[in-house]
Amino acid sequence: MKKTLSIILFLFFSIHTFASYVLIPMDTEGQKNHLKAYGITYWVLSKELKVKWLLNYRGGSFLLPDTSEIQKECQIRGVSFEVLSDSKTESILEDISSPSQNMEAVVLEKAPKIAVYTPNGKQPWDDAVTMVLQYAEIPYETVYDEEVLNDGLLAFDWLHLHHEDFTGQYGKFYGSYRAASWYIEEKKAAEELAQKLGYNKVSQEKLAVALKIRDYVIGGGFMFAMCSAADSFDIALAAEGLDICEPMFDGDASDPGYQNKVDYNKTFAFTNFTLEQSPMVYEFSSIDMTQKRMITSTSDYFSLMEFSAKWDPIPTMLCQNHTALVKGFMGQTTSFTRDEIKSNVLVMGESKINGEAKYIHGIKGKGFFTFYGGHDPEDYQHRVGDAKTELDLHPNSPGYRLILNNILFPAARKKKQKT
């Protein structure tokens, strides 16, 4: 009788302690490869399984269903995981749901379809987003002007803008690189593409692309842009109908007094900025803080803002990290001038020392956009021709984590818009 009772009790407790969830911790101590952890989460979503994103719990951990296949994939990719029992999972979720805790469990429902806007011939290491997508093993497709103008963006949930110049000034590289073969070739290729697509000038063709991207976001798409893609996009929108290009860019003179004709109502994020009119200056406008900031590389950090996970889940998702203090990094557009950001745009990362914004987010129509200053989170001052960043050396990069937060955000977007 005692033996039978022991067997029954053993079976009872075995059933109730059987592991049914996998936790991917995202804190400092628990995760050996934060970047690939996002890839695991995306991979699980692609299998049509749901994931819970535990906002502010151990650095924004992920709760997955427990299968041998998922455990094996974590082991193959070198991602730390913990196997949880039903009771332990229930205890964690109960703690997260408590009104006293600034935490929330957000359900991710579907792997978003990702597009990277980039020209042919660009290498993955030319762009931090493309590079981290490949490292995390998250699939994406590339699109460029022809696809965008033919409404190809409608097939995607998430769009990243490569470090593009939407003003038609070829990245403002003229002063330093006008005699370089790569500059001459890229300028020629851009002119040929514009003519092929039916435009007289590159600036006109790039504006048409920017307007298509604008409409994509307004219609419900999500756009992420880094470095000069962010401010040059807004500048192109604000300068619609104006010629702000000097003769070396488009063959004719710019419009007289164009600064006074800029329409800030057309932009996504920025207002009251002053355009840089000299073709010899490697700068688009006063939006960028690169030349105005007074800080050394050793003291260059920006802090992430804290939001209410239960009431402001979107910015909370976008700021998930294992540290609130992130190492700064430069780019053509390093960061954004605070007083030139529209009041309805949310600053999520800032440096109070310089009075600059590094990481911002906003709503446009039914869609969302995020702008992130700088070129490469693990290459402080990337220059033309520099060696690529080896992400195997930076698997826990908090700067790169911010990029990957944005990639997973659309998986929860529809659910959160209803709340």
Protein backbone atom coordinates (compact mmCIF):
# COMPACT_ATOMS: atom_id res chain seq x y z
CA MET A 1 0.00 0.00 0.00
CA LYS A 2 2.77 2.40 0.97
CA LYS A 3 4.65 1.53 -2.20
CA THR A 4 1.58 2.19 -4.33
CA LEU A 5 1.01 5.54 -2.59
CA SER A 6 4.63 6.50 -3.18
CA ILE A 7 4.32 5.77 -6.89
CA ILE A 8 1.10 7.84 -7.13
CA LEU A 9 2.71 10.77 -5.32
CA PHE A 10 5.80 10.51 -7.54
CA LEU A 11 3.68 10.57 -10.69
CA PHE A 12 1.59 13.48 -9.33
CA PHE A 13 4.60 15.67 -8.59
CA SER A 14 6.33 14.65 -11.82
CA ILE A 15 3.36 15.86 -13.84
CA HIS A 16 3.21 19.19 -12.02
CA THR A 17 6.93 19.86 -12.15
CA PHE A 18 7.37 18.82 -15.77
CA ALA A 19 9.04 21.59 -17.73
CA SER A 20 6.66 23.24 -20.21
CA TYR A 21 8.43 26.54 -20.95
CA VAL A 22 11.84 27.74 -21.99
CA LEU A 23 13.04 31.06 -20.64
CA ILE A 24 15.66 32.95 -22.62
CA PRO A 25 17.11 35.32 -20.01
CA MET A 26 18.29 38.71 -21.28
CA ASP A 27 20.04 40.07 -18.21
CA THR A 28 23.80 40.44 -17.91
CA GLU A 29 24.43 37.31 -15.86
CA GLY A 30 22.03 34.94 -17.54
CA GLN A 31 22.72 35.39 -21.26
CA LYS A 32 25.98 34.66 -23.08
CA ASN A 33 24.76 35.85 -26.51
CA HIS A 34 22.07 38.51 -26.40
CA LEU A 35 22.11 39.16 -30.14
CA LYS A 36 21.52 35.57 -31.21
CA ALA A 37 18.77 35.30 -28.60
CA TYR A 38 16.67 37.59 -30.80
CA GLY A 39 17.30 35.25 -33.70
CA ILE A 40 16.01 32.31 -31.66
CA THR A 41 12.87 34.27 -30.79
CA TYR A 42 12.30 35.20 -34.42
CA TRP A 43 12.87 31.57 -35.44
CA VAL A 44 10.25 30.37 -32.96
CA LEU A 45 7.75 32.94 -34.30
CA SER A 46 8.47 31.74 -37.83
CA LYS A 47 7.32 28.28 -36.70
CA GLU A 48 3.91 29.87 -35.97
CA LEU A 49 4.41 29.59 -32.23
CA LYS A 50 3.67 32.44 -29.86
CA VAL A 51 6.27 34.01 -27.60
CA LYS A 52 5.87 36.13 -24.50
CA TRP A 53 8.22 39.11 -24.24
CA LEU A 54 8.69 39.73 -20.52
CA LEU A 55 9.27 43.47 -20.45
CA ASN A 56 11.64 44.64 -17.72
CA TYR A 57 11.97 41.10 -16.38
CA ARG A 58 15.65 40.15 -16.33
CA GLY A 59 16.56 42.53 -19.13
CA GLY A 60 13.52 41.81 -21.29
CA SER A 61 13.55 38.00 -21.35
CA PHE A 62 11.61 35.78 -23.74
CA LEU A 63 9.29 32.98 -22.70
CA LEU A 64 8.99 30.20 -25.27
CA PRO A 65 7.10 26.90 -25.40
CA ASP A 66 9.28 24.01 -24.36
CA THR A 67 10.19 21.62 -27.16
CA SER A 68 13.30 19.54 -27.76
CA GLU A 69 13.70 21.31 -31.10
CA ILE A 70 13.83 24.76 -29.44
CA GLN A 71 16.29 23.59 -26.80
CA LYS A 72 18.51 22.05 -29.48
CA GLU A 73 18.42 25.25 -31.57
CA CYS A 74 19.46 27.32 -28.54
CA GLN A 75 22.39 24.98 -27.97
CA ILE A 76 23.45 25.12 -31.62
CA ARG A 77 23.37 28.92 -31.70
CA GLY A 78 25.02 29.35 -28.31
CA VAL A 79 22.05 31.01 -26.63
CA SER A 80 21.57 30.57 -22.88
CA PHE A 81 18.21 29.22 -21.76
CA GLU A 82 16.49 27.93 -18.66
CA VAL A 83 13.84 25.22 -18.49
CA LEU A 84 10.88 26.19 -16.30
CA SER A 85 8.13 24.16 -14.73
CA ASP A 86 4.49 25.19 -15.04
CA SER A 87 4.44 26.34 -11.44
CA LYS A 88 7.59 28.43 -11.82
CA THR A 89 6.25 30.02 -15.00
CA GLU A 90 2.96 30.86 -13.33
CA SER A 91 4.81 32.43 -10.42
CA ILE A 92 6.89 34.63 -12.77
CA LEU A 93 3.85 35.74 -14.77
CA GLU A 94 1.91 36.46 -11.59
CA ASP A 95 4.76 38.60 -10.30
CA ILE A 96 4.97 40.45 -13.63
CA SER A 97 1.22 41.17 -13.62
CA SER A 98 1.31 42.76 -10.18
CA PRO A 99 0.37 46.49 -10.29
CA SER A 100 3.37 47.19 -8.07
CA GLN A 101 5.82 45.91 -10.70
CA ASN A 102 6.91 47.92 -13.73
CA MET A 103 6.78 44.82 -15.89
CA GLU A 104 4.49 43.38 -18.53
CA ALA A 105 4.16 40.20 -20.60
CA VAL A 106 3.52 41.04 -24.24
CA VAL A 107 2.52 38.31 -26.67
CA LEU A 108 4.47 38.18 -29.93
CA GLU A 109 2.30 36.52 -32.53
CA LYS A 110 3.93 36.49 -35.95
CA ALA A 111 7.43 36.86 -37.39
CA PRO A 112 7.45 40.22 -39.21
CA LYS A 113 8.57 40.30 -42.82
CA ILE A 114 11.67 42.47 -43.03
CA ALA A 115 12.99 44.67 -45.85
CA VAL A 116 16.32 46.47 -45.95
CA TYR A 117 16.45 49.42 -48.33
CA THR A 118 19.93 49.25 -49.81
CA PRO A 119 21.53 49.55 -53.26
CA ASN A 120 23.03 46.61 -55.09
CA GLY A 121 26.69 46.02 -54.32
CA LYS A 122 26.61 47.13 -50.70
CA GLN A 123 28.27 44.67 -48.36
CA PRO A 124 26.51 43.55 -45.16
CA TRP A 125 29.16 45.26 -43.02
CA ASP A 126 28.43 48.62 -44.68
CA ASP A 127 25.34 48.80 -42.51
CA ALA A 128 24.94 47.83 -38.85
CA VAL A 129 21.37 46.58 -39.26
CA THR A 130 22.15 44.26 -42.16
CA MET A 131 25.16 42.98 -40.27
CA VAL A 132 23.29 42.21 -37.06
CA LEU A 133 20.42 40.59 -38.96
CA GLN A 134 22.89 38.19 -40.54
CA TYR A 135 24.64 37.55 -37.24
CA ALA A 136 21.36 36.88 -35.41
CA GLU A 137 20.22 34.68 -38.33
CA ILE A 138 17.07 36.73 -38.93
CA PRO A 139 15.95 36.57 -42.59
CA TYR A 140 15.39 39.72 -44.62
CA GLU A 141 15.01 40.87 -48.21
CA THR A 142 16.63 43.85 -49.90
CA VAL A 143 14.72 46.49 -51.82
CA TYR A 144 15.77 49.66 -53.55
CA ASP A 145 14.26 52.50 -55.54
CA GLU A 146 12.61 50.50 -58.30
CA GLU A 147 10.87 48.15 -55.85
CA VAL A 148 9.79 51.03 -53.61
CA LEU A 149 8.35 53.06 -56.51
CA ASN A 150 6.47 49.96 -57.67
CA ASP A 151 4.78 49.61 -54.25
CA GLY A 152 6.97 46.67 -53.24
CA LEU A 153 6.96 47.83 -49.61
CA LEU A 154 3.37 46.70 -49.20
CA ALA A 155 4.64 43.13 -48.82
CA PHE A 156 6.67 43.99 -45.69
CA ASP A 157 5.96 44.77 -42.04
CA TRP A 158 9.28 46.43 -41.24
CA LEU A 159 11.62 48.58 -43.30
CA HIS A 160 15.16 49.65 -42.53
CA LEU A 161 16.70 52.53 -44.42
CA HIS A 162 20.35 51.97 -45.23
CA HIS A 163 22.59 55.02 -44.78
CA GLU A 164 20.97 56.71 -47.74
CA ASP A 165 20.95 60.36 -48.81
CA PHE A 166 17.41 61.22 -49.84
CA THR A 167 18.31 64.81 -50.78
CA GLY A 168 20.23 63.94 -53.96
CA GLN A 169 23.55 65.34 -52.67
CA TYR A 170 25.38 61.99 -52.73
CA GLY A 171 25.94 61.87 -49.00
CA LYS A 172 27.65 65.29 -48.97
CA PHE A 173 30.93 63.47 -49.73
CA TYR A 174 31.83 65.98 -52.45
CA GLY A 175 34.30 68.00 -50.38
CA SER A 176 36.56 65.07 -49.51
CA TYR A 177 35.87 62.36 -52.06
CA ARG A 178 34.79 63.99 -55.33
CA ALA A 179 37.90 62.63 -57.10
CA ALA A 180 37.59 59.13 -55.61
CA SER A 181 36.65 56.41 -58.09
CA TRP A 182 33.95 54.98 -55.81
CA TYR A 183 32.26 58.41 -55.52
CA ILE A 184 32.33 58.96 -59.28
CA GLU A 185 30.94 55.48 -59.93
CA GLU A 186 28.16 55.80 -57.34
CA LYS A 187 27.13 59.21 -58.68
CA LYS A 188 27.00 57.85 -62.23
CA ALA A 189 24.98 54.79 -61.15
CA ALA A 190 22.49 56.99 -59.27
CA GLU A 191 22.02 59.25 -62.30
CA GLU A 192 21.49 56.28 -64.61
CA LEU A 193 18.93 54.77 -62.24
CA ALA A 194 17.02 58.06 -61.98
CA GLN A 195 16.86 58.35 -65.77
CA LYS A 196 15.77 54.72 -66.09
CA LEU A 197 12.92 55.39 -63.69
CA GLY A 198 11.83 58.49 -65.60
CA TYR A 199 13.36 61.33 -63.55
CA ASN A 200 15.59 64.15 -64.77
CA LYS A 201 17.47 64.44 -61.48
CA VAL A 202 18.56 62.13 -58.71
CA SER A 203 17.05 64.55 -56.16
CA GLN A 204 13.64 64.23 -57.83
CA GLU A 205 13.84 60.45 -57.90
CA LYS A 206 14.94 60.25 -54.26
CA LEU A 207 12.08 62.52 -53.24
CA ALA A 208 9.64 60.21 -54.99
CA VAL A 209 11.11 57.28 -53.05
CA ALA A 210 10.87 59.22 -49.77
CA LEU A 211 7.21 59.99 -50.46
CA LYS A 212 6.49 56.31 -51.10
CA ILE A 213 8.18 55.40 -47.82
CA ARG A 214 6.16 58.12 -46.07
CA ASP A 215 2.94 56.63 -47.44
CA TYR A 216 4.06 53.15 -46.38
CA VAL A 217 4.44 54.32 -42.78
CA ILE A 218 1.19 56.29 -42.79
CA GLY A 219 -0.58 53.17 -44.03
CA GLY A 220 0.64 51.12 -41.07
CA GLY A 221 4.24 50.16 -41.79
CA PHE A 222 7.18 50.39 -39.40
CA MET A 223 10.31 52.25 -40.46
CA PHE A 224 13.70 52.20 -38.76
CA ALA A 225 16.51 54.50 -39.89
CA MET A 226 20.06 55.07 -38.67
CA CYS A 227 22.62 57.79 -39.19
CA SER A 228 22.09 60.08 -42.22
CA ALA A 229 19.07 58.13 -43.48
CA ALA A 230 17.06 59.67 -40.62
CA ASP A 231 17.72 63.36 -41.14
CA SER A 232 18.12 63.28 -44.93
CA PHE A 233 14.71 61.59 -45.16
CA ASP A 234 13.03 64.39 -43.22
CA ILE A 235 14.97 67.05 -45.13
CA ALA A 236 13.79 65.61 -48.44
CA LEU A 237 10.17 65.71 -47.27
CA ALA A 238 10.51 69.28 -45.98
CA ALA A 239 12.12 70.43 -49.23
CA GLU A 240 9.49 68.91 -51.52
CA GLY A 241 9.12 71.19 -54.55
CA LEU A 242 12.41 72.99 -53.84
CA ASP A 243 15.85 72.64 -55.44
CA ILE A 244 18.33 72.56 -52.55
CA CYS A 245 21.14 70.98 -54.62
CA GLU A 246 24.11 72.98 -55.89
CA PRO A 247 25.30 72.59 -59.53
CA MET A 248 27.92 69.90 -58.81
CA PHE A 249 25.08 67.64 -57.67
CA ASP A 250 22.36 68.21 -60.27
CA GLY A 251 23.78 70.47 -62.98
CA ASP A 252 21.86 73.64 -62.17
CA ALA A 253 21.61 76.28 -59.45
CA SER A 254 19.59 75.80 -56.28
CA ASP A 255 16.47 77.85 -55.62
CA PRO A 256 17.27 81.29 -54.16
CA GLY A 257 16.39 81.57 -50.47
CA TYR A 258 15.30 77.94 -50.21
CA GLN A 259 15.92 77.86 -46.45
CA ASN A 260 12.96 80.18 -45.89
CA LYS A 261 10.70 77.97 -48.01
CA VAL A 262 11.29 74.68 -46.14
CA ASP A 263 8.01 73.20 -44.86
CA TYR A 264 8.56 71.57 -41.47
CA ASN A 265 4.95 70.37 -41.36
CA LYS A 266 5.89 67.64 -43.85
CA THR A 267 8.56 65.99 -41.69
CA PHE A 268 8.28 63.01 -39.38
CA ALA A 269 10.53 64.04 -36.49
CA PHE A 270 12.42 67.29 -36.97
CA THR A 271 11.52 70.98 -37.11
CA ASN A 272 13.08 74.45 -37.32
CA PHE A 273 16.39 73.10 -38.60
CA THR A 274 18.85 75.01 -40.77
CA LEU A 275 20.17 73.36 -43.91
CA GLU A 276 23.91 73.24 -44.59
CA GLN A 277 24.19 74.97 -47.95
CA SER A 278 27.91 74.55 -48.64
CA PRO A 279 28.71 71.49 -50.81
CA MET A 280 32.16 71.39 -49.22
CA VAL A 281 30.81 70.66 -45.73
CA TYR A 282 30.15 67.04 -44.77
CA GLU A 283 26.84 67.82 -43.10
CA PHE A 284 23.17 68.09 -44.06
CA SER A 285 21.74 70.40 -41.43
CA SER A 286 21.70 71.60 -37.85
CA ILE A 287 19.74 68.46 -36.87
CA ASP A 288 23.01 66.56 -36.42
CA MET A 289 25.10 67.13 -33.28
CA THR A 290 28.41 65.75 -34.60
CA GLN A 291 30.20 69.10 -34.86
CA LYS A 292 28.45 70.65 -31.86
CA ARG A 293 29.07 68.01 -29.22
CA MET A 294 31.95 68.44 -26.77
CA ILE A 295 32.81 65.01 -25.44
CA THR A 296 35.61 62.46 -25.55
CA SER A 297 35.21 58.89 -26.75
CA THR A 298 35.90 57.52 -23.27
CA SER A 299 33.06 59.52 -21.71
CA ASP A 300 30.57 59.20 -24.56
CA TYR A 301 27.50 57.37 -23.26
CA PHE A 302 23.76 57.81 -23.60
CA SER A 303 21.07 56.71 -21.18
CA LEU A 304 17.85 54.90 -21.98
CA MET A 305 14.63 56.35 -20.62
CA GLU A 306 12.36 54.31 -18.36
CA PHE A 307 8.72 53.93 -19.34
CA SER A 308 5.70 52.25 -17.79
CA ALA A 309 5.61 48.71 -19.15
CA LYS A 310 1.87 48.43 -18.52
CA TRP A 311 0.83 51.84 -19.85
CA ASP A 312 3.56 52.53 -22.41
CA PRO A 313 4.48 49.09 -23.76
CA ILE A 314 5.76 50.30 -27.14
CA PRO A 315 8.66 52.48 -25.92
CA THR A 316 9.28 49.94 -23.18
CA MET A 317 9.75 47.23 -25.82
CA LEU A 318 12.07 49.43 -27.85
CA CYS A 319 14.26 50.17 -24.83
CA GLN A 320 14.68 46.62 -23.46
CA ASN A 321 18.29 46.07 -22.46
CA HIS A 322 20.57 44.65 -19.80
CA THR A 323 21.89 48.14 -19.04
CA ALA A 324 20.39 51.62 -19.01
CA LEU A 325 23.71 53.23 -19.98
CA VAL A 326 24.90 52.55 -23.53
CA LYS A 327 28.25 53.39 -25.06
CA GLY A 328 27.97 56.17 -27.64
CA PHE A 329 29.16 55.95 -31.24
CA MET A 330 29.51 58.40 -34.09
CA GLY A 331 28.31 58.65 -37.68
CA GLN A 332 27.64 61.26 -40.31
CA THR A 333 24.57 61.92 -38.20
CA THR A 334 25.73 61.04 -34.70
CA SER A 335 22.76 62.30 -32.69
CA PHE A 336 19.90 64.78 -32.89
CA THR A 337 19.58 68.33 -31.60
CA ARG A 338 16.95 68.22 -28.84
CA ASP A 339 15.24 71.53 -29.59
CA GLU A 340 14.81 70.55 -33.25
CA ILE A 341 12.74 67.45 -32.44
CA LYS A 342 8.98 67.81 -32.67
CA SER A 343 7.09 67.81 -29.38
CA ASN A 344 5.05 64.72 -30.32
CA VAL A 345 8.20 62.62 -30.88
CA LEU A 346 9.41 60.53 -27.97
CA VAL A 347 13.06 60.68 -26.92
CA MET A 348 14.05 57.20 -25.72
CA GLY A 349 17.83 57.64 -25.43
CA GLU A 350 19.70 60.83 -24.59
CA SER A 351 22.96 62.33 -23.42
CA LYS A 352 22.28 65.09 -20.95
CA ILE A 353 25.91 66.18 -21.04
CA ASN A 354 25.53 67.29 -24.65
CA GLY A 355 21.82 67.97 -24.59
CA GLU A 356 21.36 65.55 -27.47
CA ALA A 357 18.94 62.80 -28.40
CA LYS A 358 20.32 59.50 -29.68
CA TYR A 359 17.27 57.30 -30.04
CA ILE A 360 13.77 58.62 -30.86
CA HIS A 361 10.39 57.19 -31.79
CA GLY A 362 7.13 58.49 -33.19
CA ILE A 363 3.78 57.71 -34.76
CA LYS A 364 2.84 58.73 -38.30
CA GLY A 365 -0.67 57.87 -39.42
CA LYS A 366 -1.22 54.20 -38.65
CA GLY A 367 2.49 53.41 -38.59
CA PHE A 368 5.60 53.98 -36.50
CA PHE A 369 9.16 55.17 -37.00
CA THR A 370 12.35 54.98 -34.98
CA PHE A 371 15.50 57.02 -35.67
CA TYR A 372 18.85 55.98 -34.17
CA GLY A 373 21.89 58.24 -34.46
CA GLY A 374 25.33 56.89 -35.41
CA HIS A 375 26.75 54.33 -37.82
CA ASP A 376 27.88 51.25 -35.87
CA PRO A 377 27.27 50.67 -32.13
CA GLU A 378 30.59 48.84 -31.75
CA ASP A 379 32.77 51.02 -34.01
CA TYR A 380 33.09 54.41 -32.34
CA GLN A 381 34.11 56.44 -35.38
CA HIS A 382 33.65 54.38 -38.54
CA ARG A 383 35.43 55.81 -41.57
CA VAL A 384 35.30 54.99 -45.26
CA GLY A 385 37.40 51.88 -45.84
CA ASP A 386 37.56 50.78 -42.20
CA ALA A 387 37.47 47.07 -41.44
CA LYS A 388 34.10 45.54 -40.62
CA THR A 389 32.93 44.92 -37.08
CA GLU A 390 33.15 41.29 -35.95
CA LEU A 391 30.00 40.72 -33.94
CA ASP A 392 31.40 37.50 -32.52
CA LEU A 393 33.47 39.86 -30.39
CA HIS A 394 30.37 41.78 -29.24
CA PRO A 395 27.60 39.19 -28.65
CA ASN A 396 26.21 41.19 -25.73
CA SER A 397 26.25 44.64 -27.34
CA PRO A 398 23.56 46.86 -25.75
CA GLY A 399 23.79 49.25 -28.71
CA TYR A 400 22.96 46.47 -31.16
CA ARG A 401 20.18 45.21 -28.89
CA LEU A 402 18.27 48.43 -29.55
CA ILE A 403 18.24 47.63 -33.27
CA LEU A 404 16.91 44.13 -32.64
CA ASN A 405 14.19 45.40 -30.29
CA ASN A 406 12.78 47.28 -33.25
CA ILE A 407 12.77 44.17 -35.42
CA LEU A 408 10.61 42.22 -32.95
CA PHE A 409 8.29 45.12 -32.13
CA PRO A 410 6.00 44.65 -35.18
CA ALA A 411 5.23 41.12 -34.01
CA ALA A 412 3.21 42.68 -31.17
CA ARG A 413 2.17 45.87 -32.90
CA LYS A 414 -1.43 45.01 -33.88
CA LYS A 415 -2.21 43.67 -30.44
CA LYS A 416 -0.82 46.74 -28.69
CA GLN A 417 -2.58 49.24 -30.97
CA LYS A 418 -5.91 47.94 -29.70
CA THR A 419 -5.07 48.68 -26.08
